[in-house]
C-alpha atoms as a PDB file:
ATOM      1  CA  MET A   1       3.134  20.686  20.957  1.00  0.00           C
ATOM      2  CA  LYS A   2       3.699  17.160  19.723  1.00  0.00           C
ATOM      3  CA  HIS A   3       7.106  16.124  18.463  1.00  0.00           C
ATOM      4  CA  LYS A   4       7.622  13.967  15.430  1.00  0.00           C
ATOM      5  CA  ILE A   5       9.416  10.716  16.074  1.00  0.00           C
ATOM      6  CA  ASP A   6      12.424  10.526  13.823  1.00  0.00           C
ATOM      7  CA  PHE A   7      13.159   6.862  13.246  1.00  0.00           C
ATOM      8  CA  TYR A   8      16.316   7.669  11.300  1.00  0.00           C
ATOM      9  CA  GLU A   9      17.878   9.552  14.202  1.00  0.00           C
ATOM     10  CA  HIS A  10      17.289   6.822  16.822  1.00  0.00           C
ATOM     11  CA  PRO A  11      16.478   3.519  15.076  1.00  0.00           C
ATOM     12  CA  GLU A  12      17.475   1.431  18.087  1.00  0.00           C
ATOM     13  CA  LYS A  13      14.635   2.972  20.116  1.00  0.00           C
ATOM     14  CA  TYR A  14      12.037   1.828  17.619  1.00  0.00           C
ATOM     15  CA  GLY A  15      12.826  -1.840  17.216  1.00  0.00           C
ATOM     16  CA  ASP A  16      15.507  -1.903  14.534  1.00  0.00           C
ATOM     17  CA  GLU A  17      18.749  -2.665  16.319  1.00  0.00           C
ATOM     18  CA  GLU A  18      20.563  -3.374  13.041  1.00  0.00           C
ATOM     19  CA  ALA A  19      19.654  -0.048  11.447  1.00  0.00           C
ATOM     20  CA  LYS A  20      22.224   2.659  11.684  1.00  0.00           C
ATOM     21  CA  VAL A  21      21.713   6.387  12.018  1.00  0.00           C
ATOM     22  CA  GLY A  22      21.093   7.810   8.574  1.00  0.00           C
ATOM     23  CA  ASP A  23      20.024   4.442   7.158  1.00  0.00           C
ATOM     24  CA  LYS A  24      17.556   5.474   4.444  1.00  0.00           C
ATOM     25  CA  ARG A  25      15.856   2.182   3.594  1.00  0.00           C
ATOM     26  CA  ASN A  26      12.592   2.214   1.689  1.00  0.00           C
ATOM     27  CA  PHE A  27      10.442   3.222   4.634  1.00  0.00           C
ATOM     28  CA  ARG A  28       7.115   4.788   3.734  1.00  0.00           C
ATOM     29  CA  SER A  29       4.794   6.896   5.741  1.00  0.00           C
ATOM     30  CA  ARG A  30       1.546   5.344   6.888  1.00  0.00           C
ATOM     31  CA  ASN A  31      -0.298   7.494   4.373  1.00  0.00           C
ATOM     32  CA  GLU A  32       1.839   6.320   1.436  1.00  0.00           C
ATOM     33  CA  ASN A  33       1.366   2.702   2.446  1.00  0.00           C
ATOM     34  CA  SER A  34      -2.372   2.940   3.124  1.00  0.00           C
ATOM     35  CA  LEU A  35      -4.648   0.588   1.259  1.00  0.00           C
ATOM     36  CA  LEU A  36      -6.481   3.548  -0.265  1.00  0.00           C
ATOM     37  CA  GLU A  37      -3.314   5.125  -1.651  1.00  0.00           C
ATOM     38  CA  LEU A  38      -1.978   1.799  -2.934  1.00  0.00           C
ATOM     39  CA  THR A  39      -5.319   1.084  -4.625  1.00  0.00           C
ATOM     40  CA  ARG A  40      -5.181   4.465  -6.361  1.00  0.00           C
ATOM     41  CA  LYS A  41      -1.639   3.781  -7.573  1.00  0.00           C
ATOM     42  CA  PHE A  42      -2.665   0.296  -8.730  1.00  0.00           C
ATOM     43  CA  LEU A  43      -5.567   1.772 -10.712  1.00  0.00           C
ATOM     44  CA  ASP A  44      -3.180   4.268 -12.325  1.00  0.00           C
ATOM     45  CA  LEU A  45      -0.950   1.372 -13.381  1.00  0.00           C
ATOM     46  CA  LEU A  46      -3.951  -0.482 -14.746  1.00  0.00           C
ATOM     47  CA  ARG A  47      -5.207   2.548 -16.702  1.00  0.00           C
ATOM     48  CA  ASN A  48      -1.792   3.138 -18.252  1.00  0.00           C
ATOM     49  CA  SER A  49      -1.142  -0.504 -19.165  1.00  0.00           C
ATOM     50  CA  ALA A  50      -1.732  -2.030 -22.577  1.00  0.00           C
ATOM     51  CA  PHE A  51      -5.248  -3.443 -22.861  1.00  0.00           C
ATOM     52  CA  HIS A  52      -5.781  -2.631 -19.157  1.00  0.00           C
ATOM     53  CA  ILE A  53      -3.988  -5.823 -18.137  1.00  0.00           C
ATOM     54  CA  ILE A  54      -1.183  -5.971 -15.579  1.00  0.00           C
ATOM     55  CA  ASP A  55       0.809  -8.827 -14.067  1.00  0.00           C
ATOM     56  CA  LEU A  56       0.266  -8.855 -10.304  1.00  0.00           C
ATOM     57  CA  LYS A  57       3.884  -9.770  -9.615  1.00  0.00           C
ATOM     58  CA  GLU A  58       5.023  -6.829 -11.746  1.00  0.00           C
ATOM     59  CA  ALA A  59       2.536  -4.502 -10.012  1.00  0.00           C
ATOM     60  CA  ALA A  60       3.905  -5.559  -6.613  1.00  0.00           C
ATOM     61  CA  GLN A  61       7.417  -4.808  -7.802  1.00  0.00           C
ATOM     62  CA  ILE A  62       6.486  -1.408  -9.241  1.00  0.00           C
ATOM     63  CA  LEU A  63       4.539  -0.382  -6.127  1.00  0.00           C
ATOM     64  CA  GLY A  64       7.232  -1.760  -3.837  1.00  0.00           C
ATOM     65  CA  VAL A  65       4.884  -3.930  -1.803  1.00  0.00           C
ATOM     66  CA  PRO A  66       4.665  -7.656  -1.105  1.00  0.00           C
ATOM     67  CA  LYS A  67       2.426  -9.667  -3.422  1.00  0.00           C
ATOM     68  CA  ARG A  68      -0.038 -10.336  -0.579  1.00  0.00           C
ATOM     69  CA  ARG A  69      -0.671  -6.567  -0.417  1.00  0.00           C
ATOM     70  CA  ILE A  70      -1.698  -6.672  -4.089  1.00  0.00           C
ATOM     71  CA  TYR A  71      -4.296  -9.270  -3.125  1.00  0.00           C
ATOM     72  CA  ASP A  72      -5.639  -6.810  -0.540  1.00  0.00           C
ATOM     73  CA  ILE A  73      -5.954  -4.229  -3.309  1.00  0.00           C
ATOM     74  CA  THR A  74      -7.769  -6.644  -5.645  1.00  0.00           C
ATOM     75  CA  ASN A  75     -10.150  -7.572  -2.819  1.00  0.00           C
ATOM     76  CA  VAL A  76     -10.998  -3.883  -2.371  1.00  0.00           C
ATOM     77  CA  LEU A  77     -11.699  -3.571  -6.073  1.00  0.00           C
ATOM     78  CA  GLN A  78     -13.870  -6.707  -6.070  1.00  0.00           C
ATOM     79  CA  GLY A  79     -15.954  -5.205  -3.306  1.00  0.00           C
ATOM     80  CA  ILE A  80     -16.810  -2.130  -5.370  1.00  0.00           C
END
């Protein structure tokens, strides 16, 4: 049986010496941060926006990702 690694219990073991036990920063699972999932969320934002236009800086802020990640999303959409 595999055990889940709990970063919040032992942050010092996983490369974050400054983090304290119970520190609940905005960490996301790999699935939530995947390019596929972010692209889906971006498309939802686009569908729900006025005239299907959205500011990329605003999208990055809403999705909680760096702006360069938004460029990854737009590159995926260009490839379709």
